[in-house]
N, C-alpha and C. Protein backbone atom coordinates (compact mmCIF):
# COMPACT_ATOMS: atom_id res chain seq x y z
N MET A 1 1.43 -1.44 0.01
CA MET A 1 0.32 0.20 -0.04
C MET A 1 1.12 1.49 -0.39
N LYS A 2 0.97 1.91 -0.65
CA LYS A 2 1.02 3.59 -0.93
C LYS A 2 0.51 4.03 0.12
N VAL A 3 1.79 4.80 0.30
CA VAL A 3 1.52 5.86 1.31
C VAL A 3 1.17 7.35 0.70
N ARG A 4 0.04 8.13 1.23
CA ARG A 4 -0.51 9.63 0.58
C ARG A 4 -0.20 10.43 1.37
N SER A 5 0.22 11.79 1.37
CA SER A 5 -0.39 12.52 1.60
C SER A 5 -0.83 14.07 1.09
N LYS A 6 -0.87 15.26 2.15
CA LYS A 6 -1.27 15.65 1.14
C LYS A 6 -1.11 17.14 1.59
N ASP A 7 -1.04 18.32 0.49
CA ASP A 7 -0.06 18.95 0.28
C ASP A 7 -0.70 20.92 0.48
N GLN A 8 0.04 21.61 0.98
CA GLN A 8 -0.86 22.85 1.66
C GLN A 8 -2.72 22.97 1.25
N LYS A 9 -2.77 22.94 -0.33
CA LYS A 9 -3.08 22.89 -0.14
C LYS A 9 -5.21 21.81 -1.04
N GLY A 10 -4.65 21.51 -0.04
CA GLY A 10 -4.95 19.70 0.41
C GLY A 10 -4.97 19.00 -0.56
N VAL A 11 -4.06 19.28 -2.30
CA VAL A 11 -4.04 18.09 -2.62
C VAL A 11 -3.21 16.29 -2.41
N THR A 12 -4.13 16.06 -2.53
CA THR A 12 -3.34 14.46 -1.93
C THR A 12 -2.20 13.88 -3.40
N LYS A 13 -0.77 13.88 -2.54
CA LYS A 13 0.18 13.40 -3.81
C LYS A 13 0.63 12.42 -3.20
N THR A 14 1.13 11.62 -3.94
CA THR A 14 2.13 10.17 -3.80
C THR A 14 3.47 10.31 -3.51
N PRO A 15 4.64 10.54 -2.85
CA PRO A 15 5.25 11.02 -2.28
C PRO A 15 6.26 9.77 -3.23
N GLN A 16 7.31 10.67 -3.84
CA GLN A 16 8.26 9.37 -4.92
C GLN A 16 9.31 8.22 -3.86
N PHE A 17 9.61 9.39 -2.99
CA PHE A 17 10.83 8.51 -2.23
C PHE A 17 10.19 7.14 -2.19
N ASN A 18 9.57 6.46 -1.82
CA ASN A 18 8.96 5.12 -1.69
C ASN A 18 9.08 4.70 -3.28
N GLU A 19 9.23 4.61 -4.02
CA GLU A 19 9.93 4.34 -5.28
C GLU A 19 10.92 4.59 -5.49
N THR A 20 11.54 4.89 -5.48
CA THR A 20 13.37 5.85 -5.61
C THR A 20 14.10 4.52 -4.79
N GLU A 21 13.56 4.56 -2.71
CA GLU A 21 13.75 3.54 -1.72
C GLU A 21 14.36 2.07 -2.58
N SER A 22 12.57 2.17 -3.14
CA SER A 22 12.39 0.22 -3.89
C SER A 22 13.82 0.14 -4.48
N LEU A 23 13.69 0.75 -5.84
CA LEU A 23 14.68 0.18 -6.66
C LEU A 23 15.83 0.71 -5.77
N SER A 24 16.83 1.86 -4.96
CA SER A 24 17.91 1.38 -4.88
C SER A 24 17.67 0.27 -4.06
N SER A 25 17.23 -0.05 -3.09
CA SER A 25 17.17 -1.43 -2.53
C SER A 25 17.49 -2.80 -3.66
N ARG A 26 16.23 -2.59 -4.70
CA ARG A 26 16.85 -3.89 -5.69
C ARG A 26 18.53 -3.63 -6.30
N ARG A 27 18.82 -2.53 -6.51
CA ARG A 27 19.70 -2.24 -7.30
C ARG A 27 21.31 -2.69 -5.86
N THR A 28 20.46 -2.62 -4.92
CA THR A 28 21.79 -2.69 -3.17
C THR A 28 22.03 -4.37 -3.67
N VAL A 29 20.76 -4.99 -3.21
CA VAL A 29 20.47 -6.60 -3.78
C VAL A 29 21.66 -6.99 -4.86
N GLU A 30 21.49 -6.54 -5.85
CA GLU A 30 21.50 -7.19 -7.46
C GLU A 30 23.38 -6.62 -6.75
N GLU A 31 23.48 -5.40 -6.76
CA GLU A 31 25.12 -5.26 -7.08
C GLU A 31 25.98 -6.45 -5.41
N HIS A 32 24.38 -6.69 -5.02
CA HIS A 32 25.48 -7.53 -3.82
C HIS A 32 25.18 -9.41 -4.58
N ARG A 33 24.30 -9.57 -4.25
CA ARG A 33 24.99 -10.96 -5.35
C ARG A 33 25.59 -11.32 -7.16
N ASP A 34 25.76 -9.45 -7.35
CA ASP A 34 27.00 -10.01 -8.36
C ASP A 34 28.26 -10.23 -7.59
N ASP A 35 28.16 -9.72 -6.36
CA ASP A 35 29.77 -9.48 -5.72
C ASP A 35 29.80 -10.77 -5.52
N VAL A 36 29.04 -11.35 -4.62
CA VAL A 36 29.40 -12.63 -4.43
C VAL A 36 29.39 -13.82 -5.80
N TYR A 37 29.13 -13.83 -6.41
CA TYR A 37 29.16 -14.87 -7.68
C TYR A 37 30.62 -14.41 -8.07
N ASN A 38 31.16 -12.90 -7.72
CA ASN A 38 32.30 -11.84 -7.97
C ASN A 38 33.02 -13.31 -7.51
N SER A 39 33.08 -13.08 -6.86
CA SER A 39 33.56 -13.73 -5.07
C SER A 39 33.98 -15.13 -5.63
N LEU A 40 32.85 -16.04 -5.95
CA LEU A 40 32.83 -17.25 -6.25
C LEU A 40 34.11 -17.64 -7.42
N TYR A 41 33.77 -16.53 -8.51
CA TYR A 41 34.30 -16.82 -9.31
C TYR A 41 36.23 -17.03 -9.23
N ASP A 42 36.17 -15.61 -8.06
CA ASP A 42 37.58 -15.73 -8.40
C ASP A 42 38.54 -16.57 -6.51
N TYR A 43 37.09 -16.98 -6.60
CA TYR A 43 37.68 -18.29 -5.63
C TYR A 43 38.39 -19.23 -6.14
N PHE A 44 37.17 -20.33 -7.39
CA PHE A 44 37.95 -21.22 -7.75
C PHE A 44 39.00 -20.84 -8.94
N ARG A 45 38.89 -19.89 -9.29
CA ARG A 45 40.42 -19.08 -10.52
C ARG A 45 42.11 -18.78 -9.22
N ASN A 46 41.81 -18.36 -8.70
CA ASN A 46 43.54 -19.31 -8.00
C ASN A 46 43.11 -20.34 -7.24
N TYR A 47 41.86 -20.92 -7.14
CA TYR A 47 42.42 -22.51 -6.34
C TYR A 47 42.59 -23.58 -7.38
N THR A 48 42.04 -23.31 -7.79
CA THR A 48 42.52 -24.21 -9.60
C THR A 48 43.75 -23.32 -10.59
N LYS A 49 43.62 -22.03 -10.92
CA LYS A 49 44.39 -21.33 -11.57
C LYS A 49 44.62 -21.70 -13.02
N PHE A 50 42.87 -22.28 -12.88
CA PHE A 50 42.46 -22.21 -14.96
C PHE A 50 41.46 -20.97 -14.78
N GLN A 51 41.55 -20.21 -15.65
CA GLN A 51 39.98 -19.20 -16.83
C GLN A 51 39.00 -19.72 -16.69
N LEU A 52 37.73 -18.36 -16.08
CA LEU A 52 37.42 -18.21 -16.18
C LEU A 52 36.31 -17.91 -17.74
N SER A 53 36.03 -18.58 -18.21
CA SER A 53 35.40 -18.03 -19.85
C SER A 53 34.33 -17.67 -19.34
N SER A 54 33.74 -16.71 -20.56
CA SER A 54 32.23 -15.88 -20.03
C SER A 54 30.88 -17.29 -19.71
N LEU A 55 30.99 -17.72 -20.29
CA LEU A 55 30.06 -19.59 -20.20
C LEU A 55 29.63 -20.14 -19.36
N ASP A 56 31.70 -20.24 -19.19
CA ASP A 56 31.85 -20.89 -18.28
C ASP A 56 30.64 -20.57 -16.42
N GLN A 57 30.85 -19.12 -16.48
CA GLN A 57 30.57 -18.39 -15.54
C GLN A 57 28.72 -17.54 -15.05
N MET A 58 28.31 -18.04 -16.37
CA MET A 58 27.42 -18.09 -16.56
C MET A 58 26.63 -19.99 -16.18
N LEU A 59 27.24 -20.73 -16.19
CA LEU A 59 26.62 -21.85 -15.95
C LEU A 59 26.98 -21.85 -14.70
N ILE A 60 28.25 -21.69 -13.61
CA ILE A 60 28.41 -21.29 -11.87
C ILE A 60 27.19 -21.48 -11.73
N ARG A 61 26.88 -19.82 -12.76
CA ARG A 61 25.55 -18.77 -11.58
C ARG A 61 24.26 -19.48 -11.80
N ALA A 62 24.18 -20.21 -12.79
CA ALA A 62 22.37 -21.10 -12.86
C ALA A 62 22.54 -21.99 -11.89
N ALA A 63 24.70 -23.05 -11.54
CA ALA A 63 23.89 -23.61 -11.10
C ALA A 63 23.61 -23.06 -9.32
N PHE A 64 24.40 -22.90 -8.54
CA PHE A 64 25.44 -22.01 -7.38
C PHE A 64 24.42 -21.00 -6.75
N LYS A 65 22.79 -22.23 -5.69
CA LYS A 65 22.15 -20.19 -5.65
C LYS A 65 22.92 -20.16 -4.16
N LEU A 66 22.89 -19.00 -3.91
CA LEU A 66 23.08 -18.28 -2.89
C LEU A 66 21.85 -18.17 -1.88
N GLU A 67 21.89 -18.41 -0.67
CA GLU A 67 20.82 -18.73 0.19
C GLU A 67 21.73 -17.71 1.40
N LYS A 68 20.89 -17.87 2.73
CA LYS A 68 20.77 -16.04 3.64
C LYS A 68 20.24 -17.30 4.74
N VAL A 69 21.75 -17.90 5.88
CA VAL A 69 20.69 -18.52 7.11
C VAL A 69 21.53 -17.75 8.26
N ARG A 70 20.31 -18.16 9.16
CA ARG A 70 19.90 -17.06 10.43
C ARG A 70 20.68 -17.65 11.38
N ARG A 71 21.17 -17.67 12.48
CA ARG A 71 22.27 -18.68 13.00
C ARG A 71 21.16 -19.14 14.21
N ARG A 72 21.31 -19.95 14.33
CA ARG A 72 20.51 -21.59 14.55
C ARG A 72 20.51 -22.20 14.14
N GLN A 73 20.06 -21.71 12.31
CA GLN A 73 19.22 -22.48 11.67
C GLN A 73 20.48 -23.60 11.39
N PHE A 74 18.87 -24.96 10.95
CA PHE A 74 19.83 -25.73 10.86
C PHE A 74 20.36 -26.09 9.21
N LEU A 75 21.20 -26.67 7.97
CA LEU A 75 21.09 -27.11 7.12
C LEU A 75 20.41 -28.26 7.36
N VAL A 76 21.71 -29.09 8.28
CA VAL A 76 20.84 -30.74 7.95
C VAL A 76 20.99 -31.48 9.51
N GLN A 77 19.68 -31.79 9.55
CA GLN A 77 19.85 -32.40 11.14
C GLN A 77 19.51 -34.00 10.99
N GLU A 78 20.27 -34.70 11.64
CA GLU A 78 20.11 -36.30 11.91
C GLU A 78 19.45 -36.38 11.17
N GLY A 79 20.10 -38.13 10.56
CA GLY A 79 18.10 -38.91 9.92
C GLY A 79 17.75 -38.22 8.48
N ASP A 80 18.26 -36.98 8.42
CA ASP A 80 17.48 -36.31 7.05
C ASP A 80 18.63 -36.18 5.66
N LEU A 81 18.51 -36.57 4.43
CA LEU A 81 19.22 -36.63 3.66
C LEU A 81 20.19 -34.91 3.16
N CYS A 82 21.13 -35.71 3.73
CA CYS A 82 21.76 -33.93 3.13
C CYS A 82 21.62 -34.08 1.54
N LYS A 83 21.19 -32.44 1.89
CA LYS A 83 21.08 -32.37 -1.00
C LYS A 83 22.17 -31.61 -0.94
N TYR A 84 22.90 -30.38 -0.40
CA TYR A 84 23.89 -30.43 -0.94
C TYR A 84 25.26 -30.04 -0.24
N ILE A 85 25.58 -29.01 -0.91
CA ILE A 85 27.61 -28.98 -1.40
C ILE A 85 27.66 -27.57 -1.23
N CYS A 86 27.97 -27.13 0.25
CA CYS A 86 27.56 -25.44 0.27
C CYS A 86 29.36 -24.52 0.57
N TYR A 87 29.26 -23.66 0.49
CA TYR A 87 30.40 -22.91 -0.51
C TYR A 87 30.52 -21.79 1.23
N VAL A 88 30.70 -20.90 1.86
CA VAL A 88 30.69 -20.11 2.71
C VAL A 88 31.07 -19.62 2.11
N THR A 89 30.09 -17.99 1.65
CA THR A 89 30.34 -16.85 1.88
C THR A 89 30.59 -15.97 2.78
N SER A 90 29.77 -15.84 4.34
CA SER A 90 29.95 -14.68 5.01
C SER A 90 29.16 -15.89 6.10
N GLY A 91 29.54 -15.45 7.37
CA GLY A 91 29.61 -16.17 8.95
C GLY A 91 30.29 -17.39 9.26
N ALA A 92 29.81 -18.13 9.84
CA ALA A 92 29.68 -20.11 10.37
C ALA A 92 29.20 -20.38 10.86
N LEU A 93 30.33 -21.74 10.49
CA LEU A 93 29.48 -22.94 11.00
C LEU A 93 29.90 -24.66 11.18
N ARG A 94 28.95 -25.28 11.62
CA ARG A 94 29.62 -26.29 12.19
C ARG A 94 28.69 -27.76 11.57
N ILE A 95 29.46 -28.50 11.51
CA ILE A 95 28.85 -30.14 12.23
C ILE A 95 29.28 -31.05 12.60
N TYR A 96 28.39 -31.57 13.23
CA TYR A 96 28.24 -32.10 14.19
C TYR A 96 27.42 -32.94 15.05
N SER A 97 27.46 -34.43 15.88
CA SER A 97 26.70 -35.57 16.27
C SER A 97 26.72 -34.89 17.42
N VAL A 98 25.40 -35.91 17.98
CA VAL A 98 25.32 -36.04 19.79
C VAL A 98 24.18 -37.19 20.09
N ASN A 99 25.54 -37.91 20.99
CA ASN A 99 25.64 -39.01 20.87
C ASN A 99 24.25 -38.97 21.89
N GLU A 100 23.94 -40.92 22.36
CA GLU A 100 22.88 -40.95 22.81
C GLU A 100 22.60 -39.86 24.14
N ARG A 101 23.49 -39.76 25.24
CA ARG A 101 23.93 -38.58 26.15
C ARG A 101 23.43 -36.99 26.16
N GLY A 102 22.61 -36.66 24.57
CA GLY A 102 22.70 -34.98 24.65
C GLY A 102 24.67 -34.92 24.24
N GLN A 103 25.83 -34.85 24.40
CA GLN A 103 26.30 -34.70 24.72
C GLN A 103 27.49 -34.62 22.76
N GLU A 104 27.80 -32.74 22.23
CA GLU A 104 27.65 -32.99 21.10
C GLU A 104 29.60 -33.47 21.15
N ALA A 105 29.62 -33.97 19.72
CA ALA A 105 31.43 -34.03 18.70
C ALA A 105 31.32 -33.52 18.21
N VAL A 106 32.36 -31.95 17.69
CA VAL A 106 32.27 -31.40 16.82
C VAL A 106 32.89 -31.80 15.29
N VAL A 107 32.34 -32.22 14.51
CA VAL A 107 33.74 -32.71 13.56
C VAL A 107 34.40 -31.18 12.48
N ALA A 108 33.39 -30.76 12.74
CA ALA A 108 34.91 -29.62 11.46
C ALA A 108 33.78 -28.37 11.96
N PHE A 109 34.26 -27.40 11.50
CA PHE A 109 34.44 -26.17 11.25
C PHE A 109 33.97 -25.14 9.99
N ALA A 110 33.05 -24.25 9.80
CA ALA A 110 33.65 -23.47 8.05
C ALA A 110 33.42 -22.34 7.82
N LEU A 111 34.12 -20.91 8.01
CA LEU A 111 33.82 -20.03 7.82
C LEU A 111 34.38 -19.22 6.52
N GLU A 112 34.34 -18.27 6.20
CA GLU A 112 34.22 -17.71 5.15
C GLU A 112 35.42 -18.45 3.88
N GLY A 113 34.98 -18.49 3.11
CA GLY A 113 36.05 -19.87 2.01
C GLY A 113 36.11 -20.96 2.02
N ASN A 114 35.21 -22.28 2.68
CA ASN A 114 35.90 -22.60 2.95
C ASN A 114 33.71 -23.86 2.82
N TRP A 115 34.61 -25.00 3.21
CA TRP A 115 33.43 -26.06 1.76
C TRP A 115 32.71 -26.88 3.25
N ILE A 116 31.22 -27.14 3.58
CA ILE A 116 30.53 -27.40 4.57
C ILE A 116 29.39 -28.34 3.45
N SER A 117 29.46 -30.03 4.50
CA SER A 117 28.33 -31.10 3.72
C SER A 117 28.75 -32.29 4.72
N ASP A 118 28.15 -33.08 4.63
CA ASP A 118 28.03 -34.21 5.06
C ASP A 118 28.44 -34.80 4.13
N TRP A 119 29.55 -35.49 2.59
CA TRP A 119 29.35 -36.47 2.19
C TRP A 119 29.87 -37.18 1.79
N GLU A 120 29.13 -37.79 3.21
CA GLU A 120 29.10 -39.59 3.11
C GLU A 120 28.04 -39.14 2.54
N SER A 121 26.75 -38.28 3.46
CA SER A 121 25.45 -38.62 3.37
C SER A 121 24.77 -38.39 1.58
N VAL A 122 25.79 -37.73 1.49
CA VAL A 122 25.74 -36.47 -0.09
C VAL A 122 26.19 -37.86 -1.19
N VAL A 123 27.49 -38.40 -1.22
CA VAL A 123 27.96 -39.81 -2.01
C VAL A 123 26.99 -40.70 -1.91
N LYS A 124 26.95 -41.64 -0.45
CA LYS A 124 25.85 -42.91 -0.58
C LYS A 124 24.64 -42.66 -1.09
N GLN A 125 24.43 -41.31 -0.75
CA GLN A 125 22.96 -41.12 -0.18
C GLN A 125 21.96 -40.89 1.35
N THR A 126 22.78 -41.48 1.50
CA THR A 126 22.13 -42.18 3.33
C THR A 126 21.57 -41.43 4.26
N PRO A 127 20.99 -41.50 5.31
CA PRO A 127 20.40 -40.68 6.21
C PRO A 127 21.64 -39.94 6.74
N SER A 128 21.75 -38.72 7.24
CA SER A 128 22.32 -38.12 7.49
C SER A 128 22.93 -38.59 9.21
N ARG A 129 24.65 -38.90 9.93
CA ARG A 129 24.71 -39.20 10.56
C ARG A 129 24.37 -37.83 11.41
N TYR A 130 24.89 -36.65 11.18
CA TYR A 130 25.00 -35.14 12.03
C TYR A 130 24.37 -34.55 11.94
N TYR A 131 24.49 -33.23 12.61
CA TYR A 131 23.32 -31.93 12.24
C TYR A 131 24.84 -31.49 12.03
N ILE A 132 24.12 -30.27 10.77
CA ILE A 132 24.49 -28.93 10.59
C ILE A 132 24.14 -27.17 10.54
N ASP A 133 24.47 -26.22 11.93
CA ASP A 133 23.61 -25.54 11.12
C ASP A 133 25.06 -24.16 11.35
N ALA A 134 24.32 -22.91 11.34
CA ALA A 134 24.85 -21.88 12.02
C ALA A 134 24.56 -21.16 12.64
N VAL A 135 26.58 -20.98 13.77
CA VAL A 135 26.65 -20.42 14.20
C VAL A 135 25.94 -18.50 14.78
N GLU A 136 26.80 -18.40 14.09
CA GLU A 136 26.70 -16.57 13.12
C GLU A 136 25.21 -17.10 12.12
N ASP A 137 24.95 -15.18 11.46
CA ASP A 137 23.73 -15.27 10.58
C ASP A 137 24.80 -15.62 9.74
N SER A 138 24.52 -16.08 8.56
CA SER A 138 25.84 -16.67 7.70
C SER A 138 24.56 -16.62 6.27
N GLU A 139 25.93 -16.68 4.91
CA GLU A 139 25.73 -17.05 3.75
C GLU A 139 26.26 -17.58 2.36
N ILE A 140 24.87 -18.37 2.09
CA ILE A 140 26.51 -19.92 1.31
C ILE A 140 26.10 -19.81 -0.58
N MET A 141 26.75 -20.18 -0.70
CA MET A 141 26.64 -20.68 -2.11
C MET A 141 26.27 -22.43 -2.21
N GLN A 142 25.70 -22.11 -2.62
CA GLN A 142 25.05 -24.18 -2.12
C GLN A 142 24.34 -25.23 -3.63
N ILE A 143 24.78 -26.35 -3.22
CA ILE A 143 24.80 -26.49 -5.02
C ILE A 143 24.68 -28.11 -4.92
N SER A 144 23.75 -29.05 -5.88
CA SER A 144 23.51 -30.12 -5.18
C SER A 144 24.52 -30.80 -6.37
N PRO A 145 24.00 -32.24 -5.60
CA PRO A 145 25.80 -33.57 -6.17
C PRO A 145 25.38 -33.72 -8.07
N VAL A 146 23.86 -33.49 -8.09
CA VAL A 146 24.15 -33.36 -9.76
C VAL A 146 24.78 -32.17 -10.22
N GLU A 147 24.04 -31.22 -9.37
CA GLU A 147 24.05 -30.21 -10.58
C GLU A 147 26.15 -30.05 -10.81
N LEU A 148 26.42 -30.71 -9.91
CA LEU A 148 27.94 -30.26 -9.15
C LEU A 148 29.17 -31.87 -10.39
N HIS A 149 28.01 -32.37 -10.27
CA HIS A 149 28.73 -33.07 -12.04
C HIS A 149 28.74 -32.61 -13.07
N ALA A 150 27.51 -31.81 -13.79
CA ALA A 150 27.05 -31.89 -14.79
C ALA A 150 28.14 -30.86 -14.94
N LEU A 151 27.92 -29.57 -13.20
CA LEU A 151 29.43 -29.09 -14.19
C LEU A 151 30.99 -29.40 -14.43
N GLU A 152 30.90 -29.78 -13.00
CA GLU A 152 32.50 -31.43 -13.55
C GLU A 152 32.28 -31.50 -14.39
N ALA A 153 32.01 -31.74 -15.86
CA ALA A 153 31.60 -32.36 -16.79
C ALA A 153 31.77 -30.91 -18.58
N GLN A 154 30.89 -29.79 -17.87
CA GLN A 154 31.04 -28.49 -18.89
C GLN A 154 32.52 -27.26 -18.88
N VAL A 155 33.28 -27.68 -17.61
CA VAL A 155 33.74 -26.15 -16.43
C VAL A 155 34.93 -26.70 -16.54
N PRO A 156 35.99 -27.19 -16.98
CA PRO A 156 37.86 -27.53 -16.38
C PRO A 156 38.26 -27.12 -15.65
N ALA A 157 37.95 -26.11 -15.54
CA ALA A 157 37.86 -25.29 -13.71
C ALA A 157 37.23 -26.42 -12.37
N ILE A 158 36.09 -26.09 -13.09
CA ILE A 158 35.19 -27.28 -11.89
C ILE A 158 36.04 -28.85 -11.91
N SER A 159 36.58 -29.08 -12.88
CA SER A 159 36.50 -30.39 -12.59
C SER A 159 38.36 -30.56 -12.14
N GLU A 160 38.74 -29.52 -12.19
CA GLU A 160 40.51 -29.49 -11.27
C GLU A 160 40.04 -28.91 -10.07
N PHE A 161 38.67 -28.30 -9.83
CA PHE A 161 38.72 -27.90 -8.01
C PHE A 161 38.11 -29.17 -7.33
N LEU A 162 37.88 -29.81 -7.91
CA LEU A 162 37.09 -31.29 -7.25
C LEU A 162 38.22 -32.19 -7.46
N ARG A 163 38.69 -32.34 -7.88
CA ARG A 163 41.03 -33.31 -8.54
C ARG A 163 41.19 -32.90 -6.99
N LEU A 164 41.26 -31.33 -6.65
CA LEU A 164 42.42 -30.56 -5.94
C LEU A 164 42.02 -30.84 -4.42
N GLU A 165 40.52 -30.44 -4.25
CA GLU A 165 39.60 -30.77 -3.36
C GLU A 165 39.17 -32.08 -2.93
N GLN A 166 39.13 -33.37 -3.62
CA GLN A 166 39.16 -34.35 -2.77
C GLN A 166 40.80 -34.82 -2.40
N ARG A 167 41.38 -34.30 -3.01
CA ARG A 167 43.44 -34.57 -2.28
C ARG A 167 43.27 -33.35 -0.51
N SER A 168 42.84 -32.12 -1.30
CA SER A 168 42.21 -31.65 0.03
C SER A 168 41.92 -32.16 1.20
N VAL A 169 40.77 -32.70 1.06
CA VAL A 169 40.38 -33.45 2.30
C VAL A 169 40.98 -34.81 2.84
N ALA A 170 40.75 -35.86 1.27
CA ALA A 170 42.41 -36.88 2.22
C ALA A 170 43.15 -36.37 3.28
N VAL A 171 43.74 -35.47 2.82
CA VAL A 171 44.81 -34.77 3.72
C VAL A 171 44.77 -34.64 5.20
N THR A 172 43.67 -33.71 5.36
CA THR A 172 42.84 -32.70 6.50
C THR A 172 42.42 -34.01 7.10
N THR A 173 41.57 -35.09 6.48
CA THR A 173 40.95 -35.96 6.77
C THR A 173 42.54 -36.90 7.96
N GLN A 174 43.29 -36.81 7.54
CA GLN A 174 44.55 -38.28 7.91
C GLN A 174 45.29 -37.32 8.80
N LYS A 175 45.52 -35.52 9.17
CA LYS A 175 45.72 -34.95 9.72
C LYS A 175 45.05 -34.99 11.28
N ARG A 176 43.82 -34.41 11.04
CA ARG A 176 43.03 -34.49 11.98
C ARG A 176 42.77 -35.96 13.24
N ILE A 177 43.11 -36.99 12.07
CA ILE A 177 42.78 -38.35 12.92
C ILE A 177 44.67 -38.83 13.69
N HIS A 178 45.90 -37.78 12.89
CA HIS A 178 47.10 -38.13 13.89
C HIS A 178 46.57 -37.31 15.13
N THR A 179 46.15 -36.23 14.47
CA THR A 179 46.08 -35.37 16.06
C THR A 179 45.68 -35.63 16.99
N ALA A 180 44.37 -36.38 17.21
CA ALA A 180 43.84 -37.10 17.93
C ALA A 180 44.24 -38.68 18.08
N ILE A 181 44.41 -39.37 17.90
CA ILE A 181 45.87 -39.94 18.06
C ILE A 181 47.20 -40.28 18.08
N SER A 182 47.29 -39.39 17.86
CA SER A 182 49.17 -38.92 18.63
C SER A 182 49.90 -37.64 19.53
N MET A 183 48.76 -37.10 19.53
CA MET A 183 48.67 -35.85 20.44
C MET A 183 47.82 -36.08 22.16
N ASN A 184 49.19 -34.64 22.94
CA ASN A 184 47.84 -35.13 23.86
C ASN A 184 47.21 -33.20 24.23
N ALA A 185 46.11 -32.88 25.05
CA ALA A 185 45.69 -31.76 25.11
C ALA A 185 46.31 -30.57 24.12
N GLU A 186 46.91 -30.95 25.03
CA GLU A 186 47.09 -29.24 25.05
C GLU A 186 48.05 -29.32 23.61
N GLU A 187 49.08 -29.89 23.42
CA GLU A 187 49.30 -30.55 22.16
C GLU A 187 48.21 -30.01 20.87
N ARG A 188 46.98 -30.82 20.93
CA ARG A 188 46.74 -29.88 19.68
C ARG A 188 45.70 -29.21 20.10
N TYR A 189 45.66 -28.23 21.11
CA TYR A 189 45.51 -27.17 21.57
C TYR A 189 46.42 -25.99 21.12
N ARG A 190 47.36 -26.40 20.56
CA ARG A 190 48.61 -25.70 20.15
C ARG A 190 48.41 -25.40 18.09
N ASP A 191 47.74 -26.96 18.84
CA ASP A 191 48.18 -26.58 17.08
C ASP A 191 46.89 -25.49 16.23
N LEU A 192 45.36 -25.85 16.53
CA LEU A 192 44.78 -25.72 16.30
C LEU A 192 45.00 -24.17 16.48
N LEU A 193 45.74 -24.03 17.51
CA LEU A 193 45.48 -22.02 17.85
C LEU A 193 46.32 -22.17 16.92
N GLU A 194 47.57 -22.69 16.31
CA GLU A 194 48.65 -22.35 15.05
C GLU A 194 47.68 -22.26 13.83
N HIS A 195 46.85 -22.90 13.83
CA HIS A 195 46.63 -23.03 12.62
C HIS A 195 45.59 -22.47 11.65
N HIS A 196 44.07 -22.84 13.13
CA HIS A 196 42.57 -21.91 12.70
C HIS A 196 42.26 -20.84 14.21
N PRO A 197 43.42 -19.19 13.82
CA PRO A 197 42.89 -18.43 14.98
C PRO A 197 41.65 -18.21 15.07
N LYS A 198 41.44 -17.71 14.02
CA LYS A 198 40.10 -17.43 14.49
C LYS A 198 39.39 -17.83 14.95
N TYR A 199 38.77 -19.61 14.98
CA TYR A 199 37.91 -19.98 15.59
C TYR A 199 38.31 -19.56 16.61
N PHE A 200 38.97 -19.34 17.52
CA PHE A 200 39.03 -19.12 19.04
C PHE A 200 38.22 -17.75 18.91
N GLN A 201 37.87 -17.04 17.47
CA GLN A 201 37.25 -15.52 17.56
C GLN A 201 36.23 -15.98 17.75
N ARG A 202 35.54 -16.85 16.86
CA ARG A 202 33.93 -16.89 15.80
C ARG A 202 33.32 -17.09 16.84
N PHE A 203 34.10 -18.89 17.53
CA PHE A 203 33.14 -20.23 18.12
C PHE A 203 33.40 -20.48 19.96
N SER A 204 32.73 -20.91 20.21
CA SER A 204 32.32 -20.63 21.91
C SER A 204 33.63 -21.52 22.51
N GLN A 205 33.62 -20.94 23.55
CA GLN A 205 34.18 -22.40 24.21
C GLN A 205 34.35 -23.55 25.06
N ASN A 206 32.84 -24.33 24.96
CA ASN A 206 32.18 -25.52 24.50
C ASN A 206 32.83 -25.78 23.33
N MET A 207 32.04 -25.10 21.77
CA MET A 207 32.59 -24.93 21.20
C MET A 207 33.84 -26.18 20.48
N ILE A 208 34.36 -25.27 20.36
CA ILE A 208 35.93 -25.79 20.63
C ILE A 208 36.22 -27.09 20.96
N ALA A 209 36.33 -27.05 23.01
CA ALA A 209 37.10 -27.89 23.42
C ALA A 209 36.15 -29.07 22.81
N SER A 210 34.90 -29.01 21.89
CA SER A 210 34.08 -30.72 21.73
C SER A 210 35.06 -31.02 20.90
N TYR A 211 35.77 -30.05 19.99
CA TYR A 211 36.37 -30.36 18.51
C TYR A 211 37.41 -30.63 19.01
N LEU A 212 37.83 -30.43 20.16
CA LEU A 212 39.78 -30.66 20.48
C LEU A 212 39.32 -31.98 20.92
N GLY A 213 38.53 -32.50 21.60
CA GLY A 213 37.96 -33.63 22.32
C GLY A 213 38.50 -33.89 23.78
N ILE A 214 37.67 -32.82 24.50
CA ILE A 214 38.20 -31.87 25.52
C ILE A 214 37.56 -30.81 26.63
N THR A 215 37.12 -31.30 27.86
CA THR A 215 36.45 -30.53 28.33
C THR A 215 36.30 -29.07 28.42
N PRO A 216 35.11 -28.15 28.71
CA PRO A 216 35.87 -27.01 28.81
C PRO A 216 36.72 -26.15 29.23
N GLU A 217 36.85 -26.90 31.18
CA GLU A 217 37.44 -26.66 31.72
C GLU A 217 38.69 -26.83 31.77
N THR A 218 38.94 -28.18 30.79
CA THR A 218 41.08 -27.95 30.85
C THR A 218 40.95 -27.32 29.40
N LEU A 219 39.92 -26.58 28.70
CA LEU A 219 40.39 -25.72 28.16
C LEU A 219 40.71 -24.64 28.59
N SER A 220 39.70 -24.25 29.41
CA SER A 220 40.13 -22.96 30.35
C SER A 220 41.05 -22.75 30.42
N ARG A 221 41.84 -23.97 30.80
CA ARG A 221 43.70 -24.22 31.59
C ARG A 221 44.30 -23.83 30.63
N LEU A 222 44.30 -24.74 29.38
CA LEU A 222 45.01 -23.84 28.64
C LEU A 222 45.74 -23.06 28.41
N ARG A 223 44.18 -23.03 28.04
CA ARG A 223 44.10 -21.28 27.18
C ARG A 223 45.19 -20.34 28.65
N LYS A 224 44.97 -20.35 29.77
CA LYS A 224 45.62 -19.37 30.42
C LYS A 224 46.68 -19.15 30.61
N ARG A 225 47.11 -20.35 30.40
CA ARG A 225 48.79 -21.07 30.81
C ARG A 225 49.62 -19.94 29.62
C-alpha cells in the first residue's frame, strides 16, 4: 500500500521516495549478488589456476544458489538426507553429532572461503548422522551433487577443483586422525591455535573444546598457560 499525504492546498500527493528507495534497494541486492558470485569465480580461479570463460561463469551462476542462513538455523539434522554441498561466503557454521547422552562432538568448522557438507550422506545418498547449523548469521552458495557433476563435465575449472579438493580433504582427514591419536590435549590446542586462530574468535569455548575432544574446563586451563 502506498502512503499518501496532502499538500497545503489539500491536493493528495504520492511521495516519490518509496519507489526510489525500492529501486535503490533492488539495485543494492543485485549488486551484492553480483559481488558474491564474482568472489566465487575468483575463488575457483585462484584455487585451480584456471581461467573462466563467460560461458563458464554463466553455468556456475546457474548451478550455485545463494542462500541466507540465520544463526542457529539447521542446514541438516540427523536422519536427513544431505542434499547440498555448501560454500561459505560469510558467517560461521559447524558440523557435529550428538550421542545418546546429548553430548555434542564437533567434526568440523567452516568460515568464509570454506566448504561444508556431510559428504558421506551426499555421496552414498544415506541419512546423515550429523547436524549442520549456523553459529552466526551466514550466507552460503549451495549446489546439489547432480548439478556439481554436470558442471564438472562442462567447466574445466570445476573438474580441476574437484580433483584438488578431493586431495585436500584426504590430507585434512589424515591430519585430523593424527592429531586425535598422537597428540595430547595441550598439543592439539596449540596446533589448532597455530593453524586456525580465527576459530577462537568465532566459536564458543564449548564448541572448541568439543572439537578438540576435551572438556571446557581443560580448555580454559590451557588458554591461561
